[in-house]
C-alpha cells in the first residue's frame, strides 16, 4: 500500500469537492454537473468485498442515469486485476499523470540557488490560498496558485506566457509558492503533471520534486 498516494487522493477529494458523492463498498463515486471524466469518476480507494464485475455494472448504471461517461481514476494502489478487467470491458487508458512531492527540509538549498537573478513576484494571500503573479508592465506573464490542506501545499495552474518561456519564470513562480507555503507551516509541497509533459517534469525535478505515485484513468469507450 502506497500510503502517500492514499493521503494525497483523500486531500484531492477535499480540495476539489463534487456536487454529489457516494461511497460504494470502498469506492468513491463523484458526480459533477459539468466537466470531463476527470471531474465525474469512480475512485477505487479502499478494499472491496463484492466482485469487480458486479461493482462495475452498478457504477455504469449510476453514471448512465446521469448521462455521464463512466470513468475510473486508477492509482498504483488499485489491484491490477481491476485495471485488466476494465480494459477487457472496453475502457481506454487516458490521462496518465505523475504526482510529485518536495519536502520542506529538502528545499532550503534549492531556494538560495539562483534566487537573486529571478524577477520579484506579486504574492497575494487569502485564507488557505496563495496566488503568485509576475508582471511585465501591465501584463501578467506568469502565474500560479497554491492551496493549503493540512500540512501540505498543492501547486496548481503554473502558467507562463508562451512569448516569455525559457526565462526562468516558471521556476520563479514555483519557488515563490513553495517559500510562502513552507514559511506558513507546510511540511511538503506537491503537484500533478501529465506524464507526457517532459519539459514541466524537468522543471519540477530541478526544484527538488520527486515522483511519489502515478495515476491514470480508464474511460468507457463510446
Protein backbone atom coordinates (compact mmCIF):
# COMPACT_ATOMS: atom_id res chain seq x y z
CA UNK A 1 0.00 0.00 0.00
CA UNK A 2 1.35 3.40 -1.04
CA UNK A 3 0.08 5.47 1.89
CA UNK A 4 1.31 8.73 0.35
CA UNK A 5 -0.88 8.06 -2.69
CA UNK A 6 -3.89 7.34 -0.46
CA UNK A 7 -3.32 10.52 1.54
CA UNK A 8 -2.98 12.79 -1.47
CA UNK A 9 -6.03 11.28 -3.15
CA UNK A 10 -8.03 11.96 0.02
CA UNK A 11 -6.73 15.54 0.11
CA UNK A 12 -7.71 15.97 -3.53
CA UNK A 13 -11.26 14.97 -2.64
CA UNK A 14 -11.32 17.75 -0.03
CA UNK A 15 -9.84 20.50 -2.21
CA UNK A 16 -12.00 19.66 -5.25
CA UNK A 17 -15.41 18.67 -3.85
CA UNK A 18 -18.05 17.28 -6.19
CA UNK A 19 -21.74 18.17 -6.34
CA UNK A 20 -22.68 14.65 -5.29
CA UNK A 21 -20.56 11.87 -3.78
CA UNK A 22 -21.44 8.27 -3.00
CA UNK A 23 -19.42 5.65 -1.12
CA UNK A 24 -19.95 2.18 -2.55
CA UNK A 25 -18.09 -0.75 -0.98
CA UNK A 26 -14.78 1.13 -0.67
CA UNK A 27 -15.16 3.03 -3.95
CA UNK A 28 -15.86 6.78 -4.10
CA UNK A 29 -18.27 7.86 -6.86
CA UNK A 30 -18.02 11.55 -7.74
CA UNK A 31 -20.59 13.35 -9.85
CA UNK A 32 -20.17 16.89 -11.17
CA UNK A 33 -22.86 18.75 -13.08
CA UNK A 34 -20.43 19.57 -15.86
CA UNK A 35 -16.86 18.96 -16.92
CA UNK A 36 -14.98 15.93 -18.21
CA UNK A 37 -14.48 12.41 -16.91
CA UNK A 38 -11.76 13.84 -14.65
CA UNK A 39 -14.49 15.60 -12.67
CA UNK A 40 -17.02 12.75 -12.58
CA UNK A 41 -15.43 9.37 -11.97
CA UNK A 42 -15.02 6.38 -9.69
CA UNK A 43 -12.08 6.30 -7.26
CA UNK A 44 -11.33 2.74 -6.04
CA UNK A 45 -9.55 3.95 -2.91
CA UNK A 46 -10.30 1.25 -0.38
CA UNK A 47 -10.72 -2.53 -0.16
CA UNK A 48 -13.68 -4.20 -1.86
CA UNK A 49 -15.88 -7.01 -0.61
CA UNK A 50 -18.03 -7.51 -3.71
CA UNK A 51 -16.90 -8.78 -7.10
CA UNK A 52 -15.44 -6.29 -9.58
CA UNK A 53 -17.89 -7.38 -12.26
CA UNK A 54 -20.88 -6.63 -10.03
CA UNK A 55 -19.48 -3.28 -8.92
CA UNK A 56 -18.56 -2.11 -12.41
CA UNK A 57 -22.10 -2.91 -13.60
CA UNK A 58 -23.57 -0.81 -10.76
CA UNK A 59 -21.24 2.11 -11.46
CA UNK A 60 -22.03 2.10 -15.18
CA UNK A 61 -25.75 2.25 -14.43
CA UNK A 62 -25.31 5.13 -11.97
CA UNK A 63 -23.30 7.21 -14.45
CA UNK A 64 -25.61 6.37 -17.35
CA UNK A 65 -28.57 7.56 -15.26
CA UNK A 66 -26.87 10.97 -15.13
CA UNK A 67 -25.92 10.89 -18.84
CA UNK A 68 -22.23 10.79 -17.90
CA UNK A 69 -19.47 8.56 -19.30
CA UNK A 70 -18.27 6.01 -16.77
CA UNK A 71 -14.62 6.54 -15.84
CA UNK A 72 -12.30 5.17 -13.16
CA UNK A 73 -9.35 7.01 -11.62
CA UNK A 74 -6.66 4.42 -11.00
CA UNK A 75 -3.53 4.58 -8.83
CA UNK A 76 -0.72 2.20 -8.01
CA UNK A 77 -2.79 1.05 -5.01
CA UNK A 78 -5.52 -0.37 -7.26
CA UNK A 79 -5.16 -4.14 -7.89
CA UNK A 80 -4.01 -4.90 -11.42
CA UNK A 81 -6.93 -7.32 -11.79
CA UNK A 82 -9.37 -4.38 -11.78
CA UNK A 83 -7.35 -2.48 -14.38
CA UNK A 84 -7.24 -5.58 -16.59
CA UNK A 85 -10.97 -6.19 -16.24
CA UNK A 86 -11.76 -2.59 -17.20
CA UNK A 87 -9.53 -2.90 -20.26
CA UNK A 88 -11.33 -6.09 -21.29
CA UNK A 89 -14.66 -4.28 -20.98
CA UNK A 90 -13.55 -1.58 -23.42
CA UNK A 91 -12.21 1.06 -21.05
CA UNK A 92 -9.40 3.07 -22.65
CA UNK A 93 -6.34 4.25 -20.72
CA UNK A 94 -6.15 8.07 -20.66
CA UNK A 95 -4.64 10.98 -18.75
CA UNK A 96 -1.55 9.32 -17.26
CA UNK A 97 -0.33 11.75 -14.59
CA UNK A 98 2.61 11.87 -12.19
CA UNK A 99 2.22 13.22 -8.64
CA UNK A 100 5.41 14.84 -7.37
CA UNK A 101 6.42 15.92 -3.88
CA UNK A 102 9.10 18.17 -2.40
CA UNK A 103 9.76 18.10 1.34
CA UNK A 104 10.44 21.36 3.16
CA UNK A 105 13.73 20.09 4.57
CA UNK A 106 14.98 19.39 1.05
CA UNK A 107 14.06 22.81 -0.30
CA UNK A 108 16.43 25.17 1.58
CA UNK A 109 19.38 24.70 -0.77
CA UNK A 110 17.17 24.96 -3.86
CA UNK A 111 15.67 28.19 -2.54
CA UNK A 112 19.00 30.02 -2.48
CA UNK A 113 20.28 28.77 -5.85
CA UNK A 114 19.77 31.49 -8.46
CA UNK A 115 17.24 33.41 -6.38
CA UNK A 116 18.83 36.81 -6.88
CA UNK A 117 18.54 36.62 -10.67
CA UNK A 118 14.80 35.92 -10.64
CA UNK A 119 12.07 38.57 -11.07
CA UNK A 120 10.20 39.71 -7.97
CA UNK A 121 6.72 38.16 -7.98
CA UNK A 122 3.48 39.71 -6.74
CA UNK A 123 2.22 37.46 -3.92
CA UNK A 124 -1.38 37.55 -2.70
CA UNK A 125 -2.70 35.56 0.27
CA UNK A 126 -6.32 34.79 1.16
CA UNK A 127 -7.37 32.15 3.69
CA UNK A 128 -5.70 28.91 2.56
CA UNK A 129 -4.80 30.20 -0.90
CA UNK A 130 -1.64 31.82 -2.25
CA UNK A 131 -1.61 33.44 -5.69
CA UNK A 132 1.61 34.46 -7.43
CA UNK A 133 1.86 36.77 -10.44
CA UNK A 134 4.79 38.12 -12.44
CA UNK A 135 4.05 41.24 -14.46
CA UNK A 136 5.72 42.97 -17.35
CA UNK A 137 4.30 46.46 -17.49
CA UNK A 138 0.54 45.86 -17.20
CA UNK A 139 0.58 42.29 -18.48
CA UNK A 140 0.62 39.12 -16.39
CA UNK A 141 3.30 36.96 -17.98
CA UNK A 142 3.44 34.16 -15.38
CA UNK A 143 1.21 32.97 -12.57
CA UNK A 144 0.48 30.11 -10.19
CA UNK A 145 -1.76 29.06 -7.33
CA UNK A 146 -1.06 27.25 -4.07
CA UNK A 147 -3.70 25.76 -1.76
CA UNK A 148 -3.02 24.66 1.81
CA UNK A 149 -4.53 21.40 3.03
CA UNK A 150 -3.41 20.04 6.40
CA UNK A 151 0.41 20.26 6.45
CA UNK A 152 0.99 20.42 2.69
CA UNK A 153 0.58 22.94 -0.10
CA UNK A 154 -0.51 21.86 -3.56
CA UNK A 155 0.66 23.84 -6.59
CA UNK A 156 -1.90 24.43 -9.34
CA UNK A 157 -2.15 26.22 -12.67
CA UNK A 158 1.53 27.11 -13.17
CA UNK A 159 1.39 29.14 -16.36
CA UNK A 160 3.93 31.17 -18.33
CA UNK A 161 3.01 33.27 -21.35
CA UNK A 162 4.30 31.49 -24.44
CA UNK A 163 6.34 34.53 -25.53
CA UNK A 164 8.18 34.58 -22.18
CA UNK A 165 9.07 30.94 -21.70
CA UNK A 166 12.61 29.66 -21.06
CA UNK A 167 13.40 32.73 -18.95
CA UNK A 168 13.10 31.10 -15.53
CA UNK A 169 9.62 32.49 -14.84
CA UNK A 170 8.06 29.10 -14.11
CA UNK A 171 10.85 28.43 -11.63
CA UNK A 172 10.29 31.84 -10.00
CA UNK A 173 6.56 31.22 -9.60
CA UNK A 174 7.06 27.77 -8.09
CA UNK A 175 9.76 28.93 -5.73
CA UNK A 176 7.61 31.81 -4.50
CA UNK A 177 4.68 29.47 -3.82
CA UNK A 178 6.88 26.93 -2.07
CA UNK A 179 8.66 29.51 0.04
CA UNK A 180 5.36 31.02 1.17
CA UNK A 181 3.96 27.57 1.86
CA UNK A 182 6.91 26.39 3.92
CA UNK A 183 7.10 29.64 5.86
CA UNK A 184 3.39 29.21 6.56
CA UNK A 185 3.98 25.83 8.18
CA UNK A 186 3.68 23.35 5.31
CA UNK A 187 5.99 20.37 5.58
CA UNK A 188 5.74 19.44 1.92
CA UNK A 189 4.64 20.74 -1.47
CA UNK A 190 3.08 18.58 -4.15
CA UNK A 191 1.73 18.90 -7.66
CA UNK A 192 0.41 16.90 -10.59
CA UNK A 193 1.82 16.88 -14.10
CA UNK A 194 0.94 14.89 -17.21
CA UNK A 195 3.45 12.11 -17.76
CA UNK A 196 3.91 13.31 -21.35
CA UNK A 197 4.90 16.87 -20.30
CA UNK A 198 8.65 16.28 -20.20
CA UNK A 199 9.54 19.98 -20.08
CA UNK A 200 7.44 20.56 -16.94
CA UNK A 201 8.79 17.39 -15.33
CA UNK A 202 12.33 18.65 -15.87
CA UNK A 203 11.46 21.99 -14.26
CA UNK A 204 9.87 20.43 -11.19
CA UNK A 205 12.67 17.93 -10.68
CA UNK A 206 15.18 20.78 -10.79
CA UNK A 207 13.29 22.27 -7.83
CA UNK A 208 13.65 19.10 -5.80
CA UNK A 209 10.35 17.38 -6.59
CA UNK A 210 10.31 13.58 -6.73
CA UNK A 211 7.62 11.26 -8.00
CA UNK A 212 5.58 9.55 -5.29
CA UNK A 213 2.96 7.84 -7.43
CA UNK A 214 1.30 7.62 -10.82
CA UNK A 215 -2.40 7.74 -11.64
CA UNK A 216 -4.38 7.29 -14.82
CA UNK A 217 -7.99 6.99 -15.98
CA UNK A 218 -9.91 4.15 -17.51
CA UNK A 219 -12.70 5.63 -19.61
CA UNK A 220 -15.55 3.67 -21.20
CA UNK A 221 -15.29 3.83 -24.98
CA UNK A 222 -18.37 5.05 -26.80
